[in-house]
Amino acid sequence: MDNLVGNFILSISTGMISGVIAGIYTGIISSKYAAIEEIKREILRIIRDIDYVDGKYLRGHEMEKINIIFLASSELLGMNQRKAGLVVRQNTNKLIEDIDNTKKGNSLNTQILMDFQREVRQLPISKRYLLKIW
């Protein structure tokens, strides 16, 4: 009878400890994933806020707003999401180039904005680094 109670207590303790550890791990992974999704939403919000008409940017293309996208790419790189961070940086550079070209009198390339949004929605997220807890 003593052995049965001891085994029961050991089983309950083991189950509780493993449950707590699994819960903490799941929470860490979920918070990392939520942070990545929030970065993506912020980038998309800034891109969608850019207004243009007749080949000219009207608003939302100011460098302080575009710099927020660049900082978001740095956050992704800091989270070991290298591919995602580089995709955002490459597209940010294309957008900055297009903004500069329109200041020189050229028409804007709306495809850059559409491609940027599509690529942000499909950012390659590294599962390997997402699942690491350190």
C-alpha atoms as a PDB file:
ATOM      1  CA  MET A   1       0.000   0.000   0.000  1.00  0.00           C
ATOM      2  CA  ASP A   2       2.860   2.401   0.878  1.00  0.00           C
ATOM      3  CA  ASN A   3       4.506   1.610  -2.456  1.00  0.00           C
ATOM      4  CA  LEU A   4       1.257   2.369  -4.296  1.00  0.00           C
ATOM      5  CA  VAL A   5       0.872   5.772  -2.578  1.00  0.00           C
ATOM      6  CA  GLY A   6       4.546   6.578  -3.254  1.00  0.00           C
ATOM      7  CA  ASN A   7       4.153   5.718  -6.942  1.00  0.00           C
ATOM      8  CA  PHE A   8       0.975   7.800  -7.127  1.00  0.00           C
ATOM      9  CA  ILE A   9       2.670  10.845  -5.573  1.00  0.00           C
ATOM     10  CA  LEU A  10       5.688  10.396  -7.861  1.00  0.00           C
ATOM     11  CA  SER A  11       3.425  10.176 -10.921  1.00  0.00           C
ATOM     12  CA  ILE A  12       1.463  13.280  -9.923  1.00  0.00           C
ATOM     13  CA  SER A  13       4.668  15.218  -9.197  1.00  0.00           C
ATOM     14  CA  THR A  14       6.245  14.194 -12.497  1.00  0.00           C
ATOM     15  CA  GLY A  15       3.089  15.124 -14.393  1.00  0.00           C
ATOM     16  CA  MET A  16       2.853  18.509 -12.720  1.00  0.00           C
ATOM     17  CA  ILE A  17       6.509  19.357 -13.301  1.00  0.00           C
ATOM     18  CA  SER A  18       6.429  18.311 -16.953  1.00  0.00           C
ATOM     19  CA  GLY A  19       3.155  20.210 -17.433  1.00  0.00           C
ATOM     20  CA  VAL A  20       4.616  23.398 -15.982  1.00  0.00           C
ATOM     21  CA  ILE A  21       7.757  23.082 -18.128  1.00  0.00           C
ATOM     22  CA  ALA A  22       5.695  22.423 -21.270  1.00  0.00           C
ATOM     23  CA  GLY A  23       3.455  25.384 -20.462  1.00  0.00           C
ATOM     24  CA  ILE A  24       6.393  27.736 -19.996  1.00  0.00           C
ATOM     25  CA  TYR A  25       8.004  26.528 -23.235  1.00  0.00           C
ATOM     26  CA  THR A  26       4.736  26.975 -25.133  1.00  0.00           C
ATOM     27  CA  GLY A  27       4.370  30.465 -23.693  1.00  0.00           C
ATOM     28  CA  ILE A  28       7.873  31.445 -24.803  1.00  0.00           C
ATOM     29  CA  ILE A  29       7.290  30.134 -28.340  1.00  0.00           C
ATOM     30  CA  SER A  30       3.895  31.841 -28.536  1.00  0.00           C
ATOM     31  CA  SER A  31       5.296  35.187 -27.412  1.00  0.00           C
ATOM     32  CA  LYS A  32       8.117  34.993 -29.977  1.00  0.00           C
ATOM     33  CA  TYR A  33       5.646  34.176 -32.741  1.00  0.00           C
ATOM     34  CA  ALA A  34       3.324  36.979 -31.625  1.00  0.00           C
ATOM     35  CA  ALA A  35       6.243  39.440 -31.701  1.00  0.00           C
ATOM     36  CA  ILE A  36       7.085  38.431 -35.277  1.00  0.00           C
ATOM     37  CA  GLU A  37       3.453  38.788 -36.333  1.00  0.00           C
ATOM     38  CA  GLU A  38       3.262  42.213 -34.678  1.00  0.00           C
ATOM     39  CA  ILE A  39       6.360  43.346 -36.585  1.00  0.00           C
ATOM     40  CA  LYS A  40       4.760  42.153 -39.826  1.00  0.00           C
ATOM     41  CA  ARG A  41       1.529  44.030 -39.028  1.00  0.00           C
ATOM     42  CA  GLU A  42       3.458  47.219 -38.265  1.00  0.00           C
ATOM     43  CA  ILE A  43       5.354  47.031 -41.560  1.00  0.00           C
ATOM     44  CA  LEU A  44       2.145  46.397 -43.498  1.00  0.00           C
ATOM     45  CA  ARG A  45       0.402  49.283 -41.726  1.00  0.00           C
ATOM     46  CA  ILE A  46       3.165  51.689 -42.746  1.00  0.00           C
ATOM     47  CA  ILE A  47       3.200  50.465 -46.353  1.00  0.00           C
ATOM     48  CA  ARG A  48      -0.585  50.697 -46.625  1.00  0.00           C
ATOM     49  CA  ASP A  49      -0.487  54.227 -45.216  1.00  0.00           C
ATOM     50  CA  ILE A  50       1.466  55.448 -48.256  1.00  0.00           C
ATOM     51  CA  ASP A  51      -0.848  57.443 -50.512  1.00  0.00           C
ATOM     52  CA  TYR A  52      -0.128  58.263 -54.129  1.00  0.00           C
ATOM     53  CA  VAL A  53      -1.927  59.741 -57.126  1.00  0.00           C
ATOM     54  CA  ASP A  54      -0.916  60.197 -60.773  1.00  0.00           C
ATOM     55  CA  GLY A  55       2.536  58.696 -60.273  1.00  0.00           C
ATOM     56  CA  LYS A  56       3.416  60.884 -57.270  1.00  0.00           C
ATOM     57  CA  TYR A  57       3.655  60.068 -53.583  1.00  0.00           C
ATOM     58  CA  LEU A  58       1.321  62.243 -51.501  1.00  0.00           C
ATOM     59  CA  ARG A  59       1.884  61.193 -47.893  1.00  0.00           C
ATOM     60  CA  GLY A  60       3.151  58.337 -45.774  1.00  0.00           C
ATOM     61  CA  HIS A  61       6.460  58.139 -47.638  1.00  0.00           C
ATOM     62  CA  GLU A  62       8.412  60.388 -45.268  1.00  0.00           C
ATOM     63  CA  MET A  63      11.781  58.989 -44.193  1.00  0.00           C
ATOM     64  CA  GLU A  64      10.862  58.849 -40.495  1.00  0.00           C
ATOM     65  CA  LYS A  65       8.087  56.394 -41.388  1.00  0.00           C
ATOM     66  CA  ILE A  66      10.269  54.391 -43.773  1.00  0.00           C
ATOM     67  CA  ASN A  67      12.967  54.234 -41.070  1.00  0.00           C
ATOM     68  CA  ILE A  68      10.469  52.441 -38.819  1.00  0.00           C
ATOM     69  CA  ILE A  69      10.368  49.655 -41.414  1.00  0.00           C
ATOM     70  CA  PHE A  70      14.167  49.527 -41.393  1.00  0.00           C
ATOM     71  CA  LEU A  71      14.154  49.291 -37.586  1.00  0.00           C
ATOM     72  CA  ALA A  72      11.591  46.481 -37.814  1.00  0.00           C
ATOM     73  CA  SER A  73      13.999  44.572 -40.058  1.00  0.00           C
ATOM     74  CA  SER A  74      16.663  45.041 -37.368  1.00  0.00           C
ATOM     75  CA  GLU A  75      14.281  43.557 -34.811  1.00  0.00           C
ATOM     76  CA  LEU A  76      13.762  40.522 -37.039  1.00  0.00           C
ATOM     77  CA  LEU A  77      17.523  40.131 -37.433  1.00  0.00           C
ATOM     78  CA  GLY A  78      17.903  40.437 -33.658  1.00  0.00           C
ATOM     79  CA  MET A  79      15.403  37.604 -33.240  1.00  0.00           C
ATOM     80  CA  ASN A  80      17.580  35.410 -35.518  1.00  0.00           C
ATOM     81  CA  GLN A  81      15.039  35.717 -38.331  1.00  0.00           C
ATOM     82  CA  ARG A  82      17.804  36.478 -40.842  1.00  0.00           C
ATOM     83  CA  LYS A  83      15.938  35.706 -44.069  1.00  0.00           C
ATOM     84  CA  ALA A  84      12.887  37.698 -43.000  1.00  0.00           C
ATOM     85  CA  GLY A  85      15.005  40.662 -41.899  1.00  0.00           C
ATOM     86  CA  LEU A  86      16.943  40.709 -45.159  1.00  0.00           C
ATOM     87  CA  VAL A  87      13.758  40.479 -47.256  1.00  0.00           C
ATOM     88  CA  VAL A  88      12.370  43.512 -45.428  1.00  0.00           C
ATOM     89  CA  ARG A  89      15.642  45.440 -45.849  1.00  0.00           C
ATOM     90  CA  GLN A  90      15.862  44.685 -49.575  1.00  0.00           C
ATOM     91  CA  ASN A  91      12.293  45.834 -50.137  1.00  0.00           C
ATOM     92  CA  THR A  92      12.829  48.922 -47.977  1.00  0.00           C
ATOM     93  CA  ASN A  93      15.827  49.864 -50.112  1.00  0.00           C
ATOM     94  CA  LYS A  94      13.734  49.435 -53.292  1.00  0.00           C
ATOM     95  CA  LEU A  95      11.039  51.661 -51.811  1.00  0.00           C
ATOM     96  CA  ILE A  96      13.540  54.362 -50.794  1.00  0.00           C
ATOM     97  CA  GLU A  97      15.035  54.263 -54.288  1.00  0.00           C
ATOM     98  CA  ASP A  98      11.582  54.659 -55.835  1.00  0.00           C
ATOM     99  CA  ILE A  99      10.748  57.577 -53.530  1.00  0.00           C
ATOM    100  CA  ASP A 100      14.023  59.270 -54.534  1.00  0.00           C
ATOM    101  CA  ASN A 101      13.250  58.663 -58.225  1.00  0.00           C
ATOM    102  CA  THR A 102       9.848  60.317 -57.905  1.00  0.00           C
ATOM    103  CA  LYS A 103      11.483  63.349 -56.287  1.00  0.00           C
ATOM    104  CA  LYS A 104      13.571  63.605 -59.471  1.00  0.00           C
ATOM    105  CA  GLY A 105      10.396  63.725 -61.569  1.00  0.00           C
ATOM    106  CA  ASN A 106       9.953  60.044 -62.433  1.00  0.00           C
ATOM    107  CA  SER A 107       6.646  58.217 -61.895  1.00  0.00           C
ATOM    108  CA  LEU A 108       6.385  55.896 -58.941  1.00  0.00           C
ATOM    109  CA  ASN A 109       6.381  52.157 -59.404  1.00  0.00           C
ATOM    110  CA  THR A 110       3.208  50.891 -57.685  1.00  0.00           C
ATOM    111  CA  GLN A 111       4.393  47.314 -58.194  1.00  0.00           C
ATOM    112  CA  ILE A 112       7.066  47.912 -55.530  1.00  0.00           C
ATOM    113  CA  LEU A 113       4.377  48.626 -52.920  1.00  0.00           C
ATOM    114  CA  MET A 114       2.293  45.604 -53.962  1.00  0.00           C
ATOM    115  CA  ASP A 115       5.312  43.271 -53.996  1.00  0.00           C
ATOM    116  CA  PHE A 116       6.491  44.598 -50.629  1.00  0.00           C
ATOM    117  CA  GLN A 117       3.107  43.845 -49.025  1.00  0.00           C
ATOM    118  CA  ARG A 118       3.007  40.358 -50.534  1.00  0.00           C
ATOM    119  CA  GLU A 119       6.542  39.569 -49.373  1.00  0.00           C
ATOM    120  CA  VAL A 120       5.848  40.807 -45.837  1.00  0.00           C
ATOM    121  CA  ARG A 121       2.762  38.579 -45.622  1.00  0.00           C
ATOM    122  CA  GLN A 122       4.882  35.624 -46.805  1.00  0.00           C
ATOM    123  CA  LEU A 123       8.025  36.334 -44.772  1.00  0.00           C
ATOM    124  CA  PRO A 124      10.168  33.221 -44.288  1.00  0.00           C
ATOM    125  CA  ILE A 125      10.126  32.517 -40.550  1.00  0.00           C
ATOM    126  CA  SER A 126      12.897  30.289 -39.215  1.00  0.00           C
ATOM    127  CA  LYS A 127      11.184  27.589 -37.158  1.00  0.00           C
ATOM    128  CA  ARG A 128      14.566  26.505 -35.806  1.00  0.00           C
ATOM    129  CA  TYR A 129      15.153  29.807 -34.015  1.00  0.00           C
ATOM    130  CA  LEU A 130      11.504  30.191 -33.140  1.00  0.00           C
ATOM    131  CA  LEU A 131      11.575  26.903 -31.207  1.00  0.00           C
ATOM    132  CA  LYS A 132      14.807  27.710 -29.347  1.00  0.00           C
ATOM    133  CA  ILE A 133      14.283  29.064 -25.849  1.00  0.00           C
ATOM    134  CA  TRP A 134      17.697  30.681 -25.419  1.00  0.00           C
END
